[in-house]
């Protein structure tokens, strides 16, 4: 997966990089050998859903939008699983999951 843009809160999931702004697409080592099904981008956080339904989040966590206790510069795995019929969405300072039936 390729990432670029504002990385000042770790929302790109690239780890502890020095740059706050990534101007050119950069490969995310975290997602090597993983299939990303869906990505939701908020203002300062990101949610990744893998093909197997596992969910990872990274970035700012001031309002608990990552679904765990700490901010992360690398994606952290959540203790939830999303079915193939769900869709992730991020807004300014929140994350949500939509289930379709």
N, C-alpha and C. Protein backbone atom coordinates (compact mmCIF):
# COMPACT_ATOMS: atom_id res chain seq x y z
N UNK A 1 0.85 -1.17 0.00
CA UNK A 1 0.00 0.00 0.00
C UNK A 1 0.89 1.23 0.00
N UNK A 2 0.49 2.25 -0.73
CA UNK A 2 1.23 3.51 -0.79
C UNK A 2 0.53 4.59 0.03
N UNK A 3 1.32 5.39 0.73
CA UNK A 3 0.78 6.46 1.58
C UNK A 3 1.53 7.76 1.30
N UNK A 4 0.81 8.88 1.38
CA UNK A 4 1.43 10.19 1.31
C UNK A 4 0.49 11.22 1.90
N UNK A 5 1.03 12.38 2.25
CA UNK A 5 0.23 13.46 2.84
C UNK A 5 0.75 13.86 4.20
N UNK A 6 -0.13 14.36 5.04
CA UNK A 6 0.23 14.82 6.38
C UNK A 6 0.47 13.61 7.28
N UNK A 7 1.64 13.57 7.90
CA UNK A 7 2.00 12.46 8.78
C UNK A 7 2.28 12.94 10.20
N UNK A 8 1.89 14.17 10.52
CA UNK A 8 2.26 14.77 11.80
C UNK A 8 1.67 14.06 13.01
N UNK A 9 0.59 13.31 12.86
CA UNK A 9 -0.02 12.58 13.97
C UNK A 9 0.13 11.07 13.81
N UNK A 10 0.91 10.64 12.82
CA UNK A 10 1.07 9.21 12.56
C UNK A 10 -0.04 8.61 11.75
N UNK A 11 -0.90 9.43 11.17
CA UNK A 11 -2.08 8.93 10.47
C UNK A 11 -1.78 8.18 9.17
N UNK A 12 -0.56 8.24 8.68
CA UNK A 12 -0.21 7.46 7.49
C UNK A 12 0.20 6.04 7.85
N UNK A 13 0.50 5.79 9.12
CA UNK A 13 0.88 4.46 9.55
C UNK A 13 2.27 4.05 9.15
N UNK A 14 3.13 5.02 8.86
CA UNK A 14 4.49 4.73 8.41
C UNK A 14 5.48 4.58 9.55
N UNK A 15 5.04 4.74 10.78
CA UNK A 15 5.96 4.62 11.92
C UNK A 15 6.57 5.95 12.30
N UNK A 16 7.65 5.91 13.04
CA UNK A 16 8.31 7.12 13.53
C UNK A 16 9.19 7.78 12.49
N UNK A 17 8.59 8.35 11.48
CA UNK A 17 9.36 9.03 10.43
C UNK A 17 9.60 10.48 10.84
N UNK A 18 10.64 11.08 10.28
CA UNK A 18 11.00 12.46 10.62
C UNK A 18 10.11 13.49 9.94
N UNK A 19 9.66 13.18 8.73
CA UNK A 19 8.87 14.15 7.96
C UNK A 19 7.45 14.27 8.51
N UNK A 20 6.95 15.50 8.57
CA UNK A 20 5.54 15.70 8.91
C UNK A 20 4.67 15.66 7.67
N UNK A 21 5.26 15.99 6.53
CA UNK A 21 4.54 15.94 5.26
C UNK A 21 5.30 15.01 4.32
N UNK A 22 4.61 13.99 3.80
CA UNK A 22 5.19 13.06 2.84
C UNK A 22 4.65 13.45 1.48
N UNK A 23 5.52 14.01 0.62
CA UNK A 23 5.08 14.56 -0.66
C UNK A 23 4.94 13.53 -1.77
N UNK A 24 5.69 12.44 -1.70
CA UNK A 24 5.64 11.42 -2.73
C UNK A 24 5.15 10.11 -2.13
N UNK A 25 4.41 9.32 -2.90
CA UNK A 25 3.92 8.04 -2.37
C UNK A 25 5.05 7.19 -1.80
N UNK A 26 4.79 6.64 -0.61
CA UNK A 26 5.78 5.82 0.09
C UNK A 26 5.13 4.50 0.47
N UNK A 27 5.84 3.41 0.24
CA UNK A 27 5.33 2.08 0.54
C UNK A 27 5.29 1.87 2.06
N UNK A 28 4.17 1.35 2.53
CA UNK A 28 4.02 1.04 3.95
C UNK A 28 4.50 -0.39 4.19
N UNK A 29 5.60 -0.54 4.92
CA UNK A 29 6.14 -1.86 5.23
C UNK A 29 5.18 -2.69 6.08
N UNK A 30 4.35 -2.02 6.86
CA UNK A 30 3.43 -2.73 7.75
C UNK A 30 2.48 -3.63 6.98
N UNK A 31 2.07 -3.22 5.79
CA UNK A 31 1.06 -3.96 5.05
C UNK A 31 1.63 -4.94 4.01
N UNK A 32 2.93 -5.21 4.08
CA UNK A 32 3.51 -6.23 3.20
C UNK A 32 2.90 -7.58 3.59
N UNK A 33 2.48 -8.34 2.60
CA UNK A 33 1.84 -9.65 2.79
C UNK A 33 0.46 -9.56 3.45
N UNK A 34 -0.15 -8.38 3.45
CA UNK A 34 -1.51 -8.21 3.96
C UNK A 34 -2.34 -7.59 2.84
N UNK A 35 -3.60 -7.99 2.71
CA UNK A 35 -4.49 -7.43 1.70
C UNK A 35 -5.43 -6.43 2.37
N UNK A 36 -5.32 -5.18 1.99
CA UNK A 36 -6.17 -4.13 2.54
C UNK A 36 -7.44 -4.07 1.71
N UNK A 37 -8.60 -4.22 2.38
CA UNK A 37 -9.90 -4.20 1.71
C UNK A 37 -10.50 -2.81 1.69
N UNK A 38 -10.31 -2.05 2.78
CA UNK A 38 -10.95 -0.74 2.90
C UNK A 38 -10.08 0.17 3.76
N UNK A 39 -10.12 1.46 3.46
CA UNK A 39 -9.40 2.46 4.24
C UNK A 39 -10.33 3.63 4.49
N UNK A 40 -10.38 4.10 5.74
CA UNK A 40 -11.13 5.30 6.09
C UNK A 40 -10.17 6.32 6.65
N UNK A 41 -10.23 7.54 6.13
CA UNK A 41 -9.30 8.59 6.55
C UNK A 41 -10.06 9.72 7.24
N UNK A 42 -9.67 10.01 8.48
CA UNK A 42 -10.20 11.16 9.20
C UNK A 42 -9.20 12.30 9.09
N UNK A 43 -9.43 13.36 9.84
CA UNK A 43 -8.52 14.50 9.80
C UNK A 43 -7.13 14.13 10.28
N UNK A 44 -7.04 13.39 11.41
CA UNK A 44 -5.75 13.05 11.98
C UNK A 44 -5.64 11.57 12.35
N UNK A 45 -6.47 10.72 11.76
CA UNK A 45 -6.41 9.29 12.02
C UNK A 45 -6.87 8.50 10.80
N UNK A 46 -6.50 7.20 10.79
CA UNK A 46 -6.85 6.34 9.67
C UNK A 46 -7.26 4.97 10.20
N UNK A 47 -8.23 4.35 9.52
CA UNK A 47 -8.69 3.00 9.84
C UNK A 47 -8.47 2.13 8.61
N UNK A 48 -7.86 0.97 8.81
CA UNK A 48 -7.59 0.02 7.74
C UNK A 48 -8.35 -1.27 8.04
N UNK A 49 -9.08 -1.80 7.06
CA UNK A 49 -9.74 -3.10 7.20
C UNK A 49 -9.07 -4.05 6.23
N UNK A 50 -8.58 -5.17 6.75
CA UNK A 50 -7.93 -6.16 5.90
C UNK A 50 -8.96 -7.11 5.31
N UNK A 51 -8.53 -7.86 4.31
CA UNK A 51 -9.41 -8.79 3.61
C UNK A 51 -10.02 -9.84 4.55
N UNK A 52 -9.31 -10.18 5.63
CA UNK A 52 -9.82 -11.19 6.56
C UNK A 52 -10.72 -10.58 7.64
N UNK A 53 -11.00 -9.27 7.57
CA UNK A 53 -11.90 -8.61 8.51
C UNK A 53 -11.23 -7.98 9.71
N UNK A 54 -9.92 -8.17 9.87
CA UNK A 54 -9.23 -7.52 10.98
C UNK A 54 -9.13 -6.02 10.72
N UNK A 55 -9.14 -5.25 11.81
CA UNK A 55 -9.17 -3.79 11.72
C UNK A 55 -7.94 -3.22 12.43
N UNK A 56 -7.27 -2.27 11.78
CA UNK A 56 -6.12 -1.57 12.34
C UNK A 56 -6.38 -0.07 12.29
N UNK A 57 -5.88 0.66 13.29
CA UNK A 57 -6.02 2.12 13.30
C UNK A 57 -4.69 2.75 13.67
N UNK A 58 -4.50 4.01 13.25
CA UNK A 58 -3.30 4.75 13.63
C UNK A 58 -3.61 6.24 13.57
N UNK A 59 -2.76 7.03 14.24
CA UNK A 59 -2.88 8.48 14.23
C UNK A 59 -3.27 9.05 15.58
N UNK A 60 -3.90 10.21 15.56
CA UNK A 60 -4.31 10.92 16.76
C UNK A 60 -5.47 10.19 17.44
N UNK A 61 -5.46 10.17 18.76
CA UNK A 61 -6.50 9.48 19.51
C UNK A 61 -7.07 10.36 20.62
N UNK A 62 -7.06 11.67 20.44
CA UNK A 62 -7.51 12.61 21.47
C UNK A 62 -8.93 12.33 21.95
N UNK A 63 -9.80 11.88 21.06
CA UNK A 63 -11.20 11.64 21.41
C UNK A 63 -11.57 10.16 21.37
N UNK A 64 -10.56 9.28 21.41
CA UNK A 64 -10.82 7.85 21.39
C UNK A 64 -11.19 7.29 20.03
N UNK A 65 -10.93 8.04 18.97
CA UNK A 65 -11.37 7.64 17.63
C UNK A 65 -10.64 6.41 17.09
N UNK A 66 -9.53 6.02 17.72
CA UNK A 66 -8.80 4.84 17.24
C UNK A 66 -9.37 3.54 17.77
N UNK A 67 -10.19 3.61 18.82
CA UNK A 67 -10.78 2.39 19.36
C UNK A 67 -9.90 1.67 20.36
N UNK A 68 -8.82 2.31 20.78
CA UNK A 68 -7.97 1.78 21.84
C UNK A 68 -7.42 2.95 22.64
N UNK A 69 -6.53 2.72 23.58
CA UNK A 69 -6.17 3.74 24.55
C UNK A 69 -5.13 4.78 24.11
N UNK A 70 -4.27 4.47 23.17
CA UNK A 70 -3.14 5.36 22.85
C UNK A 70 -3.15 5.79 21.40
N UNK A 71 -2.47 6.93 21.13
CA UNK A 71 -2.18 7.31 19.76
C UNK A 71 -1.11 6.35 19.24
N UNK A 72 -1.11 6.13 17.94
CA UNK A 72 -0.13 5.21 17.35
C UNK A 72 0.40 5.76 16.04
N UNK A 73 1.71 5.61 15.82
CA UNK A 73 2.31 5.99 14.55
C UNK A 73 2.39 4.83 13.59
N UNK A 74 2.23 3.61 14.12
CA UNK A 74 2.10 2.41 13.29
C UNK A 74 0.71 1.83 13.56
N UNK A 75 0.11 1.19 12.58
CA UNK A 75 -1.24 0.64 12.79
C UNK A 75 -1.27 -0.33 13.97
N UNK A 76 -2.30 -0.17 14.81
CA UNK A 76 -2.55 -1.07 15.93
C UNK A 76 -3.81 -1.86 15.68
N UNK A 77 -3.79 -3.15 16.00
CA UNK A 77 -4.92 -4.03 15.74
C UNK A 77 -6.01 -3.83 16.80
N UNK A 78 -7.24 -3.75 16.34
CA UNK A 78 -8.39 -3.65 17.25
C UNK A 78 -8.91 -5.03 17.59
N UNK A 79 -9.67 -5.13 18.66
CA UNK A 79 -10.24 -6.39 19.09
C UNK A 79 -11.63 -6.60 18.49
N UNK A 80 -11.82 -6.12 17.27
CA UNK A 80 -13.10 -6.33 16.58
C UNK A 80 -12.81 -6.97 15.23
N UNK A 81 -13.85 -7.51 14.63
CA UNK A 81 -13.75 -8.15 13.34
C UNK A 81 -14.93 -7.67 12.50
N UNK A 82 -14.67 -7.25 11.27
CA UNK A 82 -15.75 -6.76 10.40
C UNK A 82 -16.06 -7.78 9.33
N UNK A 83 -17.34 -8.00 9.11
CA UNK A 83 -17.76 -8.95 8.07
C UNK A 83 -17.48 -8.36 6.69
N UNK A 84 -17.60 -9.20 5.69
CA UNK A 84 -17.37 -8.76 4.31
C UNK A 84 -18.41 -7.76 3.85
N UNK A 85 -19.53 -7.66 4.56
CA UNK A 85 -20.60 -6.75 4.14
C UNK A 85 -20.59 -5.44 4.90
N UNK A 86 -19.48 -5.12 5.56
CA UNK A 86 -19.41 -3.87 6.30
C UNK A 86 -18.48 -2.90 5.60
N UNK A 87 -18.63 -1.63 5.93
CA UNK A 87 -17.86 -0.57 5.30
C UNK A 87 -17.39 0.38 6.39
N UNK A 88 -16.18 0.87 6.29
CA UNK A 88 -15.63 1.77 7.31
C UNK A 88 -15.73 3.21 6.83
N UNK A 89 -15.93 4.13 7.76
CA UNK A 89 -16.00 5.54 7.42
C UNK A 89 -15.38 6.36 8.54
N UNK A 90 -14.60 7.36 8.17
CA UNK A 90 -14.00 8.27 9.14
C UNK A 90 -14.40 9.69 8.79
N UNK A 91 -14.63 10.46 9.81
CA UNK A 91 -14.94 11.87 9.65
C UNK A 91 -13.88 12.66 10.40
N UNK A 92 -14.12 13.92 10.63
CA UNK A 92 -13.18 14.83 11.26
C UNK A 92 -12.50 14.21 12.48
N UNK A 93 -13.23 13.81 13.49
CA UNK A 93 -12.67 13.26 14.72
C UNK A 93 -13.40 12.00 15.18
N UNK A 94 -13.93 11.20 14.23
CA UNK A 94 -14.65 9.98 14.63
C UNK A 94 -14.47 8.90 13.58
N UNK A 95 -14.76 7.67 13.97
CA UNK A 95 -14.73 6.52 13.05
C UNK A 95 -16.03 5.76 13.26
N UNK A 96 -16.52 5.14 12.19
CA UNK A 96 -17.74 4.36 12.31
C UNK A 96 -17.73 3.20 11.33
N UNK A 97 -18.61 2.27 11.55
CA UNK A 97 -18.74 1.08 10.73
C UNK A 97 -20.20 0.99 10.27
N UNK A 98 -20.39 0.73 9.01
CA UNK A 98 -21.73 0.57 8.47
C UNK A 98 -21.93 -0.87 8.04
N UNK A 99 -22.98 -1.50 8.52
CA UNK A 99 -23.30 -2.87 8.13
C UNK A 99 -24.43 -2.84 7.10
N UNK A 100 -24.26 -3.58 6.03
CA UNK A 100 -25.28 -3.66 4.99
C UNK A 100 -25.97 -5.00 5.08
N UNK A 101 -27.26 -5.02 4.86
CA UNK A 101 -27.96 -6.30 4.84
C UNK A 101 -28.85 -6.39 3.62
